[in-house]
């Protein structure tokens, strides 16, 4: 049977019959996708979709990026190394050199690079382990609504109840504090300070504080630059390591390569994944200051650390950052998105909504139960991928590929507005 015929005859019941109930995105987007390019996807019926999801932030440079695809094909055709554990390869060496020259050096960041494994949670787990090893302390301070991954260490510092419930064991050695503006009446920085200063607070001095500058899964909550600076100052004062989880907010998503750049802070450890490979291939790194490199050889490892195909596309992705042209383009799109989100909130007061987020990582939080999910479902029916966020799925969020053009953005905006109108009419 030809692949074309296989595709034509494939039905969704294959997935409902054979795949685990744990699946989630296939429930939100109930169709079989066959093709993708740039900021668009097509399904088995030929229906076209605009992507405001971008693989949950994995496809900042779009689907099947042309330059990356060419580099990848050339590499494969020449029988170069694909899998290498942590052995030295030309592909890895080129990535390391380019990352240093294009990203770290211009930003005066003197980090060592660790390849902990292919996923975001691999990076987070290695960061937590390193912080504990360096300090000799066990507790990690994290924040309300945080999401850091689904393995046990990452899950312990994740706030979402339903995800934590899947652990099956107690999630320990963490302490949770309120994120910036979690309680408008509470100054979380002062609260953290008071707990750390008080020897009878019941909170042991943590090894590290881990922060998402914009909480992706937790509701598109954006920390202020002043708050991030305050966290760094607290870390310095108490001898705590400062970890920034930049897995979703990094790689240009907020308008700069690292999301923390506007705050002019210098985290001790940075976690990167998702769009790092540029092509959707699994790849993560953990960055840390050189004096923290206390690992013994093989003390942290993983079979798939050496994904050379991802090194190739990641190196190609860095070409976007060699000049400021790409950044300027991102900021033009940020302006368009910001104008749109604020216009929607103003134009449709029945949403009882507010704008959240920063850069091309924004969302509209609706204070009517179930409304955000209805808007996402209506948008999908009209040809746009968009997901919800927040503890009660109260936010519909926008994560378009950074390479999307103005036409694509405005077409997406129109679909979203049409979807909002439809949903609000249904509630009348």
Protein backbone atom coordinates (compact mmCIF):
# COMPACT_ATOMS: atom_id res chain seq x y z
CA UNK A 1 0.00 0.00 0.00
CA UNK A 2 1.35 3.44 -0.91
CA UNK A 3 1.95 6.03 1.79
CA UNK A 4 -0.63 8.27 0.10
CA UNK A 5 -3.27 5.56 0.34
CA UNK A 6 -2.29 4.82 3.94
CA UNK A 7 -2.72 8.46 4.84
CA UNK A 8 -6.04 8.73 3.05
CA UNK A 9 -7.47 5.71 4.83
CA UNK A 10 -6.13 6.44 8.32
CA UNK A 11 -8.77 7.19 10.97
CA UNK A 12 -8.63 8.74 14.43
CA UNK A 13 -9.88 5.51 15.97
CA UNK A 14 -6.37 4.06 15.49
CA UNK A 15 -5.19 6.40 18.21
CA UNK A 16 -8.16 5.96 20.52
CA UNK A 17 -7.92 2.17 20.20
CA UNK A 18 -4.16 1.64 20.53
CA UNK A 19 -2.66 4.70 22.22
CA UNK A 20 -2.75 5.34 25.95
CA UNK A 21 -5.38 7.51 27.58
CA UNK A 22 -2.53 9.79 28.68
CA UNK A 23 -2.55 11.52 25.30
CA UNK A 24 -3.64 15.17 25.49
CA UNK A 25 -2.91 17.33 22.43
CA UNK A 26 -4.66 14.88 20.10
CA UNK A 27 -7.79 15.55 22.15
CA UNK A 28 -7.43 19.32 21.75
CA UNK A 29 -6.67 19.01 18.03
CA UNK A 30 -8.74 15.99 16.90
CA UNK A 31 -7.42 15.49 13.39
CA UNK A 32 -4.54 13.64 11.73
CA UNK A 33 -1.84 16.02 10.58
CA UNK A 34 0.20 15.12 7.51
CA UNK A 35 2.32 18.10 6.48
CA UNK A 36 3.75 21.33 7.86
CA UNK A 37 5.76 24.25 6.52
CA UNK A 38 6.61 27.58 8.10
CA UNK A 39 3.66 28.66 10.22
CA UNK A 40 1.11 26.33 8.63
CA UNK A 41 0.00 22.70 8.97
CA UNK A 42 -2.29 20.51 6.85
CA UNK A 43 -4.34 17.54 7.93
CA UNK A 44 -5.40 14.31 6.27
CA UNK A 45 -8.36 16.04 4.59
CA UNK A 46 -6.19 18.81 3.18
CA UNK A 47 -7.48 21.41 5.64
CA UNK A 48 -5.00 24.20 6.35
CA UNK A 49 -4.20 25.47 9.84
CA UNK A 50 -2.31 28.53 11.04
CA UNK A 51 -0.03 27.58 13.92
CA UNK A 52 -0.26 29.73 17.06
CA UNK A 53 1.02 26.79 19.09
CA UNK A 54 4.47 26.11 17.59
CA UNK A 55 4.93 22.75 19.26
CA UNK A 56 4.39 24.35 22.68
CA UNK A 57 7.26 26.71 21.87
CA UNK A 58 9.50 24.15 20.16
CA UNK A 59 9.15 25.53 16.64
CA UNK A 60 10.21 29.17 17.00
CA UNK A 61 11.77 29.02 13.52
CA UNK A 62 8.73 27.35 11.97
CA UNK A 63 8.04 23.89 10.60
CA UNK A 64 10.63 22.33 8.29
CA UNK A 65 12.80 25.43 8.12
CA UNK A 66 14.41 25.43 4.68
CA UNK A 67 18.02 26.17 5.64
CA UNK A 68 17.97 23.73 8.52
CA UNK A 69 16.42 21.03 6.35
CA UNK A 70 19.12 21.45 3.70
CA UNK A 71 21.88 21.26 6.32
CA UNK A 72 20.28 18.16 7.83
CA UNK A 73 19.87 16.37 4.49
CA UNK A 74 23.51 17.09 3.53
CA UNK A 75 24.66 15.70 6.87
CA UNK A 76 22.61 12.51 6.60
CA UNK A 77 23.56 11.89 2.96
CA UNK A 78 27.24 11.93 3.88
CA UNK A 79 26.82 9.24 6.57
CA UNK A 80 28.09 11.52 9.30
CA UNK A 81 27.59 10.60 12.94
CA UNK A 82 23.99 10.51 14.18
CA UNK A 83 24.28 9.06 17.68
CA UNK A 84 27.38 9.59 19.80
CA UNK A 85 26.55 9.56 23.54
CA UNK A 86 28.92 12.29 24.76
CA UNK A 87 31.78 11.50 22.41
CA UNK A 88 33.41 14.34 20.51
CA UNK A 89 32.01 14.89 17.03
CA UNK A 90 32.43 17.61 14.44
CA UNK A 91 28.72 18.49 14.72
CA UNK A 92 28.90 18.97 18.48
CA UNK A 93 32.14 20.94 18.26
CA UNK A 94 30.71 23.29 15.65
CA UNK A 95 27.62 23.89 17.78
CA UNK A 96 29.67 24.60 20.91
CA UNK A 97 31.94 27.04 19.07
CA UNK A 98 29.07 28.83 17.34
CA UNK A 99 26.98 29.05 20.51
CA UNK A 100 29.90 30.59 22.35
CA UNK A 101 30.72 33.10 19.60
CA UNK A 102 27.17 34.10 18.64
CA UNK A 103 25.25 33.86 21.92
CA UNK A 104 27.43 33.78 25.03
CA UNK A 105 30.37 36.03 24.16
CA UNK A 106 28.35 39.06 22.94
CA UNK A 107 26.29 38.88 26.16
CA UNK A 108 29.34 38.55 28.42
CA UNK A 109 28.11 35.20 29.71
CA UNK A 110 30.91 32.86 30.70
CA UNK A 111 29.03 29.57 30.95
CA UNK A 112 30.09 25.95 30.59
CA UNK A 113 27.74 23.87 28.45
CA UNK A 114 26.38 20.53 29.61
CA UNK A 115 24.38 18.12 27.45
CA UNK A 116 22.12 16.40 30.02
CA UNK A 117 19.77 14.57 27.64
CA UNK A 118 17.29 15.44 24.91
CA UNK A 119 14.38 17.00 26.82
CA UNK A 120 13.61 20.03 28.94
CA UNK A 121 13.11 18.04 32.11
CA UNK A 122 16.55 16.47 31.57
CA UNK A 123 18.01 19.97 31.76
CA UNK A 124 16.03 20.86 34.88
CA UNK A 125 16.95 17.62 36.65
CA UNK A 126 20.65 18.21 35.98
CA UNK A 127 20.37 21.80 37.22
CA UNK A 128 18.77 20.68 40.49
CA UNK A 129 21.31 17.91 40.98
CA UNK A 130 24.21 20.28 40.33
CA UNK A 131 22.86 22.92 42.72
CA UNK A 132 22.54 20.34 45.48
CA UNK A 133 26.00 18.96 44.78
CA UNK A 134 27.65 22.40 44.83
CA UNK A 135 25.92 23.69 47.98
CA UNK A 136 25.50 20.49 49.96
CA UNK A 137 21.90 21.53 50.59
CA UNK A 138 18.75 19.68 49.52
CA UNK A 139 15.83 22.13 49.33
CA UNK A 140 14.89 23.95 46.13
CA UNK A 141 12.73 27.08 46.29
CA UNK A 142 10.14 27.31 43.53
CA UNK A 143 6.99 29.30 42.84
CA UNK A 144 3.23 29.08 42.58
CA UNK A 145 1.97 28.04 39.12
CA UNK A 146 5.43 26.90 38.07
CA UNK A 147 5.91 24.13 35.52
CA UNK A 148 9.34 22.55 35.11
CA UNK A 149 8.73 19.05 33.77
CA UNK A 150 7.22 15.65 34.44
CA UNK A 151 10.07 13.63 35.96
CA UNK A 152 10.07 13.44 39.75
CA UNK A 153 12.61 16.18 40.50
CA UNK A 154 11.05 18.59 38.02
CA UNK A 155 7.57 17.61 39.13
CA UNK A 156 8.43 18.39 42.75
CA UNK A 157 9.00 22.03 41.77
CA UNK A 158 5.86 22.14 39.57
CA UNK A 159 2.70 23.65 41.00
CA UNK A 160 -0.06 22.05 38.92
CA UNK A 161 -2.09 19.69 41.07
CA UNK A 162 -3.20 17.29 38.35
CA UNK A 163 0.35 16.81 37.11
CA UNK A 164 1.70 16.35 40.64
CA UNK A 165 -0.97 13.76 41.32
CA UNK A 166 0.53 11.56 38.61
CA UNK A 167 3.79 11.13 40.54
CA UNK A 168 2.59 8.30 42.77
CA UNK A 169 5.12 9.18 45.48
CA UNK A 170 5.60 12.17 47.81
CA UNK A 171 7.26 15.12 46.11
CA UNK A 172 9.73 16.52 48.61
CA UNK A 173 12.80 18.71 49.19
CA UNK A 174 11.09 21.81 47.85
CA UNK A 175 9.45 24.91 49.25
CA UNK A 176 6.97 26.97 47.25
CA UNK A 177 6.72 30.75 47.42
CA UNK A 178 4.31 33.16 45.70
CA UNK A 179 5.35 34.26 42.21
CA UNK A 180 5.46 37.93 41.31
CA UNK A 181 1.94 39.40 41.73
CA UNK A 182 0.50 36.05 42.79
CA UNK A 183 -1.15 38.01 45.59
CA UNK A 184 -1.47 41.66 44.70
CA UNK A 185 -1.46 42.53 48.38
CA UNK A 186 1.71 40.53 49.08
CA UNK A 187 5.26 41.59 48.32
CA UNK A 188 6.69 38.16 47.56
CA UNK A 189 10.30 39.40 47.71
CA UNK A 190 9.81 40.65 51.26
CA UNK A 191 8.06 37.41 52.15
CA UNK A 192 10.94 35.30 50.83
CA UNK A 193 13.45 37.48 52.68
CA UNK A 194 11.55 37.21 55.94
CA UNK A 195 11.42 33.41 55.74
CA UNK A 196 15.13 33.15 54.93
CA UNK A 197 16.16 35.60 57.66
CA UNK A 198 14.03 33.98 60.38
CA UNK A 199 15.79 30.96 61.86
CA UNK A 200 12.44 29.76 63.17
CA UNK A 201 10.55 30.03 59.87
CA UNK A 202 10.77 26.29 59.35
CA UNK A 203 12.37 26.73 55.94
CA UNK A 204 15.89 25.41 55.49
CA UNK A 205 18.24 27.49 53.38
CA UNK A 206 17.68 26.23 49.82
CA UNK A 207 20.35 25.09 47.42
CA UNK A 208 18.75 27.11 44.63
CA UNK A 209 15.82 29.24 43.61
CA UNK A 210 14.38 28.28 40.21
CA UNK A 211 12.31 30.75 38.18
CA UNK A 212 10.51 30.94 34.86
CA UNK A 213 10.61 34.59 33.78
CA UNK A 214 7.30 33.93 32.01
CA UNK A 215 5.28 30.99 33.29
CA UNK A 216 4.11 29.20 30.16
CA UNK A 217 1.93 26.40 31.49
CA UNK A 218 1.03 28.24 34.68
CA UNK A 219 -1.00 31.00 33.02
CA UNK A 220 1.42 33.17 30.99
CA UNK A 221 2.42 35.07 34.12
CA UNK A 222 5.31 37.44 33.41
CA UNK A 223 7.66 38.50 36.19
CA UNK A 224 8.73 42.12 36.30
CA UNK A 225 12.36 42.98 35.71
CA UNK A 226 12.52 44.47 39.21
CA UNK A 227 11.26 41.24 40.74
CA UNK A 228 13.83 39.15 38.84
CA UNK A 229 16.56 41.52 39.99
CA UNK A 230 15.26 41.14 43.54
CA UNK A 231 15.44 37.34 43.34
CA UNK A 232 19.02 37.57 42.12
CA UNK A 233 19.94 39.90 44.96
CA UNK A 234 18.39 37.54 47.52
CA UNK A 235 20.35 34.64 46.03
CA UNK A 236 23.62 36.57 46.24
CA UNK A 237 22.94 37.68 49.82
CA UNK A 238 22.11 34.23 51.16
CA UNK A 239 24.52 32.16 49.05
CA UNK A 240 21.74 30.52 47.05
CA UNK A 241 22.18 29.51 43.40
CA UNK A 242 19.88 31.23 40.93
CA UNK A 243 18.40 28.98 38.20
CA UNK A 244 16.42 30.35 35.27
CA UNK A 245 14.28 27.81 33.44
CA UNK A 246 14.30 29.28 29.94
CA UNK A 247 13.02 26.17 28.22
CA UNK A 248 9.90 27.78 26.77
CA UNK A 249 10.58 31.51 27.20
CA UNK A 250 14.11 31.34 25.75
CA UNK A 251 15.50 31.14 22.19
CA UNK A 252 13.91 34.45 21.20
CA UNK A 253 10.36 33.82 22.39
CA UNK A 254 10.24 37.03 24.46
CA UNK A 255 12.25 39.17 22.02
CA UNK A 256 15.80 38.44 23.18
CA UNK A 257 17.65 35.13 22.99
CA UNK A 258 17.47 34.67 26.76
CA UNK A 259 14.29 35.88 28.38
CA UNK A 260 16.21 37.34 31.32
CA UNK A 261 18.34 39.73 29.26
CA UNK A 262 16.13 42.83 29.78
CA UNK A 263 16.51 42.40 33.55
CA UNK A 264 20.31 42.56 33.20
CA UNK A 265 20.76 39.62 35.54
CA UNK A 266 23.32 36.84 35.39
CA UNK A 267 21.83 33.53 36.57
CA UNK A 268 24.13 30.87 37.94
CA UNK A 269 22.42 28.13 35.93
CA UNK A 270 20.20 28.33 32.82
CA UNK A 271 18.05 25.54 31.38
CA UNK A 272 17.43 25.53 27.61
CA UNK A 273 15.52 23.14 25.36
CA UNK A 274 12.40 23.27 23.13
CA UNK A 275 13.47 25.59 20.27
CA UNK A 276 17.18 25.14 20.84
CA UNK A 277 17.53 22.63 18.00
CA UNK A 278 15.54 24.94 15.75
CA UNK A 279 13.89 22.06 13.91
CA UNK A 280 11.87 20.29 16.54
CA UNK A 281 14.57 17.68 17.18
CA UNK A 282 15.10 16.72 20.83
CA UNK A 283 17.95 18.66 22.39
CA UNK A 284 18.63 20.41 25.67
CA UNK A 285 21.57 22.03 27.39
CA UNK A 286 22.30 23.23 30.90
CA UNK A 287 24.48 26.31 31.20
CA UNK A 288 26.33 27.14 34.39
CA UNK A 289 29.12 29.36 35.62
CA UNK A 290 32.54 27.75 35.33
CA UNK A 291 33.16 27.66 39.07
CA UNK A 292 30.10 25.41 39.44
CA UNK A 293 31.51 22.72 37.17
CA UNK A 294 32.19 20.20 39.95
CA UNK A 295 30.92 17.15 38.07
CA UNK A 296 32.97 13.97 38.03
CA UNK A 297 33.19 12.24 34.63
CA UNK A 298 30.00 10.30 33.99
CA UNK A 299 28.36 11.49 37.20
CA UNK A 300 25.37 12.60 35.15
CA UNK A 301 24.80 10.95 31.80
CA UNK A 302 22.23 9.80 29.26
CA UNK A 303 22.14 7.71 26.12
CA UNK A 304 20.74 10.41 23.88
CA UNK A 305 22.95 13.34 24.87
CA UNK A 306 24.64 13.18 21.50
CA UNK A 307 21.84 13.92 19.05
CA UNK A 308 24.06 15.12 16.23
CA UNK A 309 21.16 15.82 13.90
CA UNK A 310 19.95 18.34 16.48
CA UNK A 311 23.45 19.84 16.74
CA UNK A 312 23.41 20.48 13.00
CA UNK A 313 20.04 22.25 12.96
CA UNK A 314 20.80 24.11 16.21
CA UNK A 315 23.97 25.52 14.68
CA UNK A 316 22.04 26.61 11.62
CA UNK A 317 19.40 28.24 13.86
CA UNK A 318 22.09 30.39 15.47
CA UNK A 319 22.62 32.13 12.12
CA UNK A 320 19.45 34.10 12.88
CA UNK A 321 21.28 35.70 15.81
CA UNK A 322 24.46 36.82 14.07
CA UNK A 323 22.95 40.26 13.36
CA UNK A 324 20.13 42.28 14.93
CA UNK A 325 17.84 41.90 11.88
CA UNK A 326 15.94 38.93 13.30
CA UNK A 327 15.45 40.61 16.67
CA UNK A 328 14.05 43.73 15.01
CA UNK A 329 11.60 41.56 13.05
CA UNK A 330 10.49 39.81 16.25
CA UNK A 331 9.86 43.13 17.96
CA UNK A 332 7.69 44.35 15.08
CA UNK A 333 5.56 41.22 15.51
CA UNK A 334 5.49 41.68 19.28
CA UNK A 335 4.03 45.15 18.73
CA UNK A 336 1.30 43.72 16.49
CA UNK A 337 0.44 40.97 18.96
CA UNK A 338 0.42 43.35 21.93
CA UNK A 339 -1.89 45.76 20.11
CA UNK A 340 -4.21 42.89 19.22
CA UNK A 341 -4.44 41.38 22.71
CA UNK A 342 -5.19 44.73 24.35
CA UNK A 343 -7.72 45.58 21.64
CA UNK A 344 -9.54 42.26 22.22
CA UNK A 345 -9.79 42.81 25.97
CA UNK A 346 -11.11 46.32 25.41
CA UNK A 347 -13.46 45.39 22.56
CA UNK A 348 -15.05 42.35 24.28
CA UNK A 349 -15.73 43.23 27.93
CA UNK A 350 -17.97 40.14 28.22
CA UNK A 351 -14.77 38.07 28.22
CA UNK A 352 -13.93 39.57 31.61
CA UNK A 353 -10.37 39.25 30.45
CA UNK A 354 -6.86 40.56 30.99
CA UNK A 355 -3.69 40.42 28.91
CA UNK A 356 -0.78 38.40 30.23
CA UNK A 357 2.74 37.59 29.12
CA UNK A 358 5.56 39.22 27.23
CA UNK A 359 7.02 39.17 23.73
CA UNK A 360 5.54 36.53 21.42
CA UNK A 361 4.43 34.64 24.50
CA UNK A 362 1.17 36.28 25.43
CA UNK A 363 -2.26 35.16 26.49
CA UNK A 364 -5.73 36.42 27.32
CA UNK A 365 -7.01 35.27 30.69
CA UNK A 366 -10.80 34.92 30.87
CA UNK A 367 -12.49 35.02 34.25
CA UNK A 368 -15.44 32.94 33.04
CA UNK A 369 -15.03 29.21 33.59
CA UNK A 370 -14.51 27.19 30.43
CA UNK A 371 -14.52 30.18 28.07
CA UNK A 372 -10.86 29.99 27.05
CA UNK A 373 -11.23 26.32 26.08
CA UNK A 374 -14.32 27.16 24.02
CA UNK A 375 -12.40 29.88 22.17
CA UNK A 376 -9.54 27.45 21.42
CA UNK A 377 -11.99 24.81 20.16
CA UNK A 378 -13.77 27.34 17.95
CA UNK A 379 -10.42 28.55 16.58
CA UNK A 380 -9.41 24.98 15.73
CA UNK A 381 -12.63 24.49 13.78
CA UNK A 382 -11.78 27.67 11.85
CA UNK A 383 -8.22 26.59 11.08
CA UNK A 384 -5.96 27.79 13.88
CA UNK A 385 -4.00 25.90 16.52
CA UNK A 386 -3.96 27.49 19.96
CA UNK A 387 -3.89 25.99 23.45
CA UNK A 388 -5.06 26.94 26.92
CA UNK A 389 -2.88 27.63 29.92
CA UNK A 390 -3.24 28.21 33.63
CA UNK A 391 -4.41 26.13 36.62
CA UNK A 392 -8.00 26.19 35.38
CA UNK A 393 -7.27 26.46 31.64
CA UNK A 394 -8.44 30.05 31.92
CA UNK A 395 -5.95 31.51 29.40
CA UNK A 396 -5.87 31.09 25.66
CA UNK A 397 -2.29 31.69 24.72
CA UNK A 398 -0.39 32.79 21.64
CA UNK A 399 2.90 31.11 20.70
CA UNK A 400 3.24 31.75 16.96
CA UNK A 401 6.53 30.83 15.27
CA UNK A 402 8.93 33.77 15.38
CA UNK A 403 9.27 33.61 11.59
CA UNK A 404 5.56 34.17 10.95
CA UNK A 405 4.88 37.10 8.64
CA UNK A 406 2.42 39.94 9.20
CA UNK A 407 -0.12 38.33 6.86
CA UNK A 408 -0.09 35.13 8.91
CA UNK A 409 -0.42 37.03 12.16
CA UNK A 410 -3.37 39.06 10.96
CA UNK A 411 -5.11 35.99 9.51
CA UNK A 412 -4.66 34.33 12.88
CA UNK A 413 -5.98 37.39 14.70
CA UNK A 414 -9.08 37.36 12.53
CA UNK A 415 -9.77 33.70 13.27
CA UNK A 416 -9.36 34.34 16.99
CA UNK A 417 -11.72 37.31 16.91
CA UNK A 418 -14.29 35.33 14.89
CA UNK A 419 -14.00 32.55 17.45
CA UNK A 420 -14.52 34.94 20.35
CA UNK A 421 -17.62 36.40 18.67
CA UNK A 422 -19.00 32.91 18.12
CA UNK A 423 -18.42 31.77 21.70
CA UNK A 424 -19.85 34.93 23.23
CA UNK A 425 -22.95 34.62 21.05
CA UNK A 426 -23.42 31.05 22.28
CA UNK A 427 -23.39 32.27 25.88
CA UNK A 428 -26.12 34.88 25.33
